[in-house]
Amino acid sequence: LLMLVATYALGSLVASPTVGLAAAAMLGIDRTAIYWAIGGWRDELFGFFAVSCAWAWLRFARRPTRTNAILAGVFSGGACLTRITTIALIAPAIVWLLVASDYRGVKAAIKAAWRRELALAVGIMAVILAPFLINCAIATGDPFYAINNHTDFYLKREGVTDVRPMSAAGPWQTAATTP
């Protein structure tokens, strides 16, 4: 249900309420989406956070208010906690917002306010995500263990036989330093 509401909100923001309703209706009757949702998989929760995150960042891009910054930070943190690799989807949005603020033809005071609100959004996301990364670092020695472990899992699942130890922390990490 939350995914349908988020889909409606994003479609309404991007195009119109009619588009939002059509998108939510199509998702609502999608047999595969329903099957996975009732199966207890976290895909539906991730979908909710990912769509809500896109909605919040678009709102922020249009109106960089404190409320929109808080929404973007909370939904981004939730998306990253549901799927840690979401960081790779959020980072380009943040970089784009930093660059886009320079090309809006606005005064320096407004640009500074824009960047303060952007920093607030990123800060909230970091506060939400930090306990997870810290616990991974304490338990495994690598804050990005979840990314590394899932990369290994999916490579092996695809039949890749030569899976070398890897780390999102950097290419300098070797098998001797990987937990």
C-alpha atoms as a PDB file:
ATOM      1  CA  LEU A   1       0.000   0.000   0.000  1.00  0.00           C
ATOM      2  CA  LEU A   2       2.805   2.423   0.857  1.00  0.00           C
ATOM      3  CA  MET A   3       4.453   1.708  -2.480  1.00  0.00           C
ATOM      4  CA  LEU A   4       1.229   2.608  -4.292  1.00  0.00           C
ATOM      5  CA  VAL A   5       0.973   5.903  -2.400  1.00  0.00           C
ATOM      6  CA  ALA A   6       4.634   6.698  -3.125  1.00  0.00           C
ATOM      7  CA  THR A   7       4.169   5.871  -6.820  1.00  0.00           C
ATOM      8  CA  TYR A   8       1.145   8.157  -6.986  1.00  0.00           C
ATOM      9  CA  ALA A   9       3.048  10.976  -5.264  1.00  0.00           C
ATOM     10  CA  LEU A  10       6.045  10.684  -7.606  1.00  0.00           C
ATOM     11  CA  GLY A  11       3.883  10.507 -10.747  1.00  0.00           C
ATOM     12  CA  SER A  12       1.886  13.522  -9.564  1.00  0.00           C
ATOM     13  CA  LEU A  13       5.022  15.525  -8.874  1.00  0.00           C
ATOM     14  CA  VAL A  14       6.724  14.655 -12.152  1.00  0.00           C
ATOM     15  CA  ALA A  15       3.710  14.973 -14.451  1.00  0.00           C
ATOM     16  CA  SER A  16       0.173  15.236 -13.034  1.00  0.00           C
ATOM     17  CA  PRO A  17      -2.224  13.584 -10.596  1.00  0.00           C
ATOM     18  CA  THR A  18      -3.659  11.601 -13.513  1.00  0.00           C
ATOM     19  CA  VAL A  19      -0.224  10.211 -14.342  1.00  0.00           C
ATOM     20  CA  GLY A  20       0.348   9.414 -10.676  1.00  0.00           C
ATOM     21  CA  LEU A  21      -2.963   7.581 -10.459  1.00  0.00           C
ATOM     22  CA  ALA A  22      -2.248   5.645 -13.658  1.00  0.00           C
ATOM     23  CA  ALA A  23       1.223   4.630 -12.444  1.00  0.00           C
ATOM     24  CA  ALA A  24      -0.122   3.519  -9.051  1.00  0.00           C
ATOM     25  CA  ALA A  25      -2.971   1.604 -10.724  1.00  0.00           C
ATOM     26  CA  MET A  26      -0.550  -0.216 -13.032  1.00  0.00           C
ATOM     27  CA  LEU A  27       1.635  -1.155 -10.097  1.00  0.00           C
ATOM     28  CA  GLY A  28      -1.427  -2.199  -8.097  1.00  0.00           C
ATOM     29  CA  ILE A  29      -2.442  -4.772 -10.695  1.00  0.00           C
ATOM     30  CA  ASP A  30       1.055  -6.021 -11.513  1.00  0.00           C
ATOM     31  CA  ARG A  31       0.958  -9.706 -10.641  1.00  0.00           C
ATOM     32  CA  THR A  32       4.694  -9.988 -10.019  1.00  0.00           C
ATOM     33  CA  ALA A  33       4.786  -6.972  -7.708  1.00  0.00           C
ATOM     34  CA  ILE A  34       1.895  -8.368  -5.682  1.00  0.00           C
ATOM     35  CA  TYR A  35       3.454 -11.832  -5.535  1.00  0.00           C
ATOM     36  CA  TRP A  36       6.772 -10.535  -4.206  1.00  0.00           C
ATOM     37  CA  ALA A  37       5.100  -8.133  -1.778  1.00  0.00           C
ATOM     38  CA  ILE A  38       2.983 -10.789  -0.078  1.00  0.00           C
ATOM     39  CA  GLY A  39       5.913 -13.196  -0.045  1.00  0.00           C
ATOM     40  CA  GLY A  40       7.609 -11.158   2.670  1.00  0.00           C
ATOM     41  CA  TRP A  41      10.515  -9.978   0.534  1.00  0.00           C
ATOM     42  CA  ARG A  42      11.975  -6.578   1.277  1.00  0.00           C
ATOM     43  CA  ASP A  43      11.724  -5.537  -2.373  1.00  0.00           C
ATOM     44  CA  GLU A  44       8.455  -3.760  -1.690  1.00  0.00           C
ATOM     45  CA  LEU A  45       9.974  -1.825   1.210  1.00  0.00           C
ATOM     46  CA  PHE A  46      12.989  -0.916  -0.882  1.00  0.00           C
ATOM     47  CA  GLY A  47      10.683   0.134  -3.722  1.00  0.00           C
ATOM     48  CA  PHE A  48       8.778   2.373  -1.328  1.00  0.00           C
ATOM     49  CA  PHE A  49      11.956   4.000  -0.050  1.00  0.00           C
ATOM     50  CA  ALA A  50      13.496   4.339  -3.532  1.00  0.00           C
ATOM     51  CA  VAL A  51      10.392   5.954  -5.034  1.00  0.00           C
ATOM     52  CA  SER A  52       9.890   8.128  -1.940  1.00  0.00           C
ATOM     53  CA  CYS A  53      13.551   9.117  -2.098  1.00  0.00           C
ATOM     54  CA  ALA A  54      13.186  10.190  -5.752  1.00  0.00           C
ATOM     55  CA  TRP A  55      10.023  12.126  -4.839  1.00  0.00           C
ATOM     56  CA  ALA A  56      11.737  13.857  -1.910  1.00  0.00           C
ATOM     57  CA  TRP A  57      14.863  14.829  -3.876  1.00  0.00           C
ATOM     58  CA  LEU A  58      12.750  16.203  -6.742  1.00  0.00           C
ATOM     59  CA  ARG A  59      10.745  18.247  -4.234  1.00  0.00           C
ATOM     60  CA  PHE A  60      13.995  19.468  -2.725  1.00  0.00           C
ATOM     61  CA  ALA A  61      15.382  20.407  -6.156  1.00  0.00           C
ATOM     62  CA  ARG A  62      12.279  22.501  -6.830  1.00  0.00           C
ATOM     63  CA  ARG A  63      12.060  24.040  -3.358  1.00  0.00           C
ATOM     64  CA  PRO A  64      15.131  23.587  -1.146  1.00  0.00           C
ATOM     65  CA  THR A  65      13.314  24.109   2.133  1.00  0.00           C
ATOM     66  CA  ARG A  66      14.193  22.635   5.507  1.00  0.00           C
ATOM     67  CA  THR A  67      11.136  20.349   5.383  1.00  0.00           C
ATOM     68  CA  ASN A  68      12.097  19.023   1.957  1.00  0.00           C
ATOM     69  CA  ALA A  69      15.685  18.518   3.128  1.00  0.00           C
ATOM     70  CA  ILE A  70      14.466  16.497   6.112  1.00  0.00           C
ATOM     71  CA  LEU A  71      12.218  14.369   3.874  1.00  0.00           C
ATOM     72  CA  ALA A  72      15.091  13.730   1.433  1.00  0.00           C
ATOM     73  CA  GLY A  73      17.440  12.782   4.270  1.00  0.00           C
ATOM     74  CA  VAL A  74      14.972  10.451   6.003  1.00  0.00           C
ATOM     75  CA  PHE A  75      13.884   8.656   2.839  1.00  0.00           C
ATOM     76  CA  SER A  76      17.501   8.384   1.648  1.00  0.00           C
ATOM     77  CA  GLY A  77      18.557   6.912   4.976  1.00  0.00           C
ATOM     78  CA  GLY A  78      15.689   4.421   4.838  1.00  0.00           C
ATOM     79  CA  ALA A  79      16.552   3.452   1.274  1.00  0.00           C
ATOM     80  CA  CYS A  80      20.213   2.902   2.197  1.00  0.00           C
ATOM     81  CA  LEU A  81      19.277   0.812   5.231  1.00  0.00           C
ATOM     82  CA  THR A  82      17.023  -1.344   3.079  1.00  0.00           C
ATOM     83  CA  ARG A  83      19.643  -1.712   0.321  1.00  0.00           C
ATOM     84  CA  ILE A  84      23.077  -0.358   1.121  1.00  0.00           C
ATOM     85  CA  THR A  85      23.945  -0.050  -2.581  1.00  0.00           C
ATOM     86  CA  THR A  86      21.374   2.741  -2.868  1.00  0.00           C
ATOM     87  CA  ILE A  87      24.239   5.062  -1.961  1.00  0.00           C
ATOM     88  CA  ALA A  88      25.303   4.721  -5.606  1.00  0.00           C
ATOM     89  CA  LEU A  89      21.902   6.051  -6.707  1.00  0.00           C
ATOM     90  CA  ILE A  90      21.716   8.920  -4.233  1.00  0.00           C
ATOM     91  CA  ALA A  91      25.263  10.250  -4.677  1.00  0.00           C
ATOM     92  CA  PRO A  92      24.713  11.430  -8.287  1.00  0.00           C
ATOM     93  CA  ALA A  93      21.562  13.274  -7.212  1.00  0.00           C
ATOM     94  CA  ILE A  94      23.486  15.078  -4.506  1.00  0.00           C
ATOM     95  CA  VAL A  95      26.319  15.976  -6.885  1.00  0.00           C
ATOM     96  CA  TRP A  96      23.809  17.197  -9.468  1.00  0.00           C
ATOM     97  CA  LEU A  97      22.103  19.388  -6.869  1.00  0.00           C
ATOM     98  CA  LEU A  98      25.459  20.881  -5.886  1.00  0.00           C
ATOM     99  CA  VAL A  99      26.254  21.693  -9.513  1.00  0.00           C
ATOM    100  CA  ALA A 100      22.714  22.783 -10.434  1.00  0.00           C
ATOM    101  CA  SER A 101      22.644  25.365  -7.663  1.00  0.00           C
ATOM    102  CA  ASP A 102      25.484  27.196  -9.432  1.00  0.00           C
ATOM    103  CA  TYR A 103      23.551  27.520 -12.695  1.00  0.00           C
ATOM    104  CA  ARG A 104      20.257  28.852 -11.417  1.00  0.00           C
ATOM    105  CA  GLY A 105      21.274  32.489 -11.737  1.00  0.00           C
ATOM    106  CA  VAL A 106      20.509  33.147  -8.084  1.00  0.00           C
ATOM    107  CA  LYS A 107      22.276  35.338  -5.573  1.00  0.00           C
ATOM    108  CA  ALA A 108      25.083  34.069  -3.342  1.00  0.00           C
ATOM    109  CA  ALA A 109      22.932  34.223  -0.183  1.00  0.00           C
ATOM    110  CA  ILE A 110      20.338  31.938  -1.758  1.00  0.00           C
ATOM    111  CA  LYS A 111      23.051  29.544  -2.957  1.00  0.00           C
ATOM    112  CA  ALA A 112      24.436  29.382   0.580  1.00  0.00           C
ATOM    113  CA  ALA A 113      20.973  28.590   1.964  1.00  0.00           C
ATOM    114  CA  TRP A 114      20.522  25.947  -0.737  1.00  0.00           C
ATOM    115  CA  ARG A 115      23.787  24.289   0.228  1.00  0.00           C
ATOM    116  CA  ARG A 116      22.957  24.440   3.959  1.00  0.00           C
ATOM    117  CA  GLU A 117      19.687  22.614   3.339  1.00  0.00           C
ATOM    118  CA  LEU A 118      21.475  20.102   1.106  1.00  0.00           C
ATOM    119  CA  ALA A 119      24.019  19.517   3.883  1.00  0.00           C
ATOM    120  CA  LEU A 120      21.128  18.979   6.303  1.00  0.00           C
ATOM    121  CA  ALA A 121      19.622  16.313   4.018  1.00  0.00           C
ATOM    122  CA  VAL A 122      22.956  14.512   3.642  1.00  0.00           C
ATOM    123  CA  GLY A 123      23.601  14.823   7.371  1.00  0.00           C
ATOM    124  CA  ILE A 124      20.259  13.248   8.265  1.00  0.00           C
ATOM    125  CA  MET A 125      20.909  10.403   5.844  1.00  0.00           C
ATOM    126  CA  ALA A 126      24.361   9.891   7.394  1.00  0.00           C
ATOM    127  CA  VAL A 127      22.970   9.869  10.936  1.00  0.00           C
ATOM    128  CA  ILE A 128      20.414   7.233   9.959  1.00  0.00           C
ATOM    129  CA  LEU A 129      23.001   5.118   8.120  1.00  0.00           C
ATOM    130  CA  ALA A 130      25.955   5.537  10.509  1.00  0.00           C
ATOM    131  CA  PRO A 131      24.918   2.990  13.184  1.00  0.00           C
ATOM    132  CA  PHE A 132      24.669   0.269  10.537  1.00  0.00           C
ATOM    133  CA  LEU A 133      28.072   1.098   9.031  1.00  0.00           C
ATOM    134  CA  ILE A 134      29.676   1.363  12.467  1.00  0.00           C
ATOM    135  CA  ASN A 135      28.246  -2.005  13.523  1.00  0.00           C
ATOM    136  CA  CYS A 136      29.503  -3.602  10.302  1.00  0.00           C
ATOM    137  CA  ALA A 137      32.956  -2.141  10.963  1.00  0.00           C
ATOM    138  CA  ILE A 138      32.961  -3.411  14.558  1.00  0.00           C
ATOM    139  CA  ALA A 139      31.683  -6.874  13.658  1.00  0.00           C
ATOM    140  CA  THR A 140      33.675  -7.479  10.479  1.00  0.00           C
ATOM    141  CA  GLY A 141      36.361  -4.813  10.256  1.00  0.00           C
ATOM    142  CA  ASP A 142      34.768  -3.396   7.101  1.00  0.00           C
ATOM    143  CA  PRO A 143      31.933  -0.840   7.190  1.00  0.00           C
ATOM    144  CA  PHE A 144      30.955  -1.878   3.665  1.00  0.00           C
ATOM    145  CA  TYR A 145      30.832  -5.584   4.440  1.00  0.00           C
ATOM    146  CA  ALA A 146      27.192  -5.801   3.315  1.00  0.00           C
ATOM    147  CA  ILE A 147      28.119  -4.526  -0.153  1.00  0.00           C
ATOM    148  CA  ASN A 148      31.113  -6.859  -0.402  1.00  0.00           C
ATOM    149  CA  ASN A 149      29.201  -9.890   0.848  1.00  0.00           C
ATOM    150  CA  HIS A 150      26.289  -9.367  -1.515  1.00  0.00           C
ATOM    151  CA  THR A 151      28.597  -8.753  -4.459  1.00  0.00           C
ATOM    152  CA  ASP A 152      30.289 -12.078  -3.735  1.00  0.00           C
ATOM    153  CA  PHE A 153      26.902 -13.799  -3.308  1.00  0.00           C
ATOM    154  CA  TYR A 154      25.506 -12.515  -6.601  1.00  0.00           C
ATOM    155  CA  LEU A 155      28.688 -13.272  -8.542  1.00  0.00           C
ATOM    156  CA  LYS A 156      28.673 -16.854  -7.268  1.00  0.00           C
ATOM    157  CA  ARG A 157      24.949 -17.116  -7.977  1.00  0.00           C
ATOM    158  CA  GLU A 158      25.655 -16.134 -11.590  1.00  0.00           C
ATOM    159  CA  GLY A 159      28.228 -18.910 -11.826  1.00  0.00           C
ATOM    160  CA  VAL A 160      31.378 -16.800 -11.687  1.00  0.00           C
ATOM    161  CA  THR A 161      33.968 -19.204 -10.373  1.00  0.00           C
ATOM    162  CA  ASP A 162      36.962 -16.893  -9.930  1.00  0.00           C
ATOM    163  CA  VAL A 163      35.647 -14.570  -7.242  1.00  0.00           C
ATOM    164  CA  ARG A 164      38.547 -12.691  -5.726  1.00  0.00           C
ATOM    165  CA  PRO A 165      38.138 -10.937  -2.401  1.00  0.00           C
ATOM    166  CA  MET A 166      36.967  -7.392  -2.983  1.00  0.00           C
ATOM    167  CA  SER A 167      35.950  -4.432  -0.929  1.00  0.00           C
ATOM    168  CA  ALA A 168      33.947  -1.285  -1.498  1.00  0.00           C
ATOM    169  CA  ALA A 169      36.461   0.376   0.835  1.00  0.00           C
ATOM    170  CA  GLY A 170      39.023   0.333  -1.957  1.00  0.00           C
ATOM    171  CA  PRO A 171      41.099  -1.735  -4.339  1.00  0.00           C
ATOM    172  CA  TRP A 172      44.047  -1.684  -1.937  1.00  0.00           C
ATOM    173  CA  GLN A 173      42.346  -4.190   0.338  1.00  0.00           C
ATOM    174  CA  THR A 174      43.705  -7.676  -0.214  1.00  0.00           C
ATOM    175  CA  ALA A 175      42.603 -11.140   0.764  1.00  0.00           C
ATOM    176  CA  ALA A 176      44.835 -10.913   3.846  1.00  0.00           C
ATOM    177  CA  THR A 177      42.982  -7.843   5.145  1.00  0.00           C
ATOM    178  CA  THR A 178      39.457  -8.918   4.149  1.00  0.00           C
ATOM    179  CA  PRO A 179      37.561 -10.556   7.013  1.00  0.00           C
END
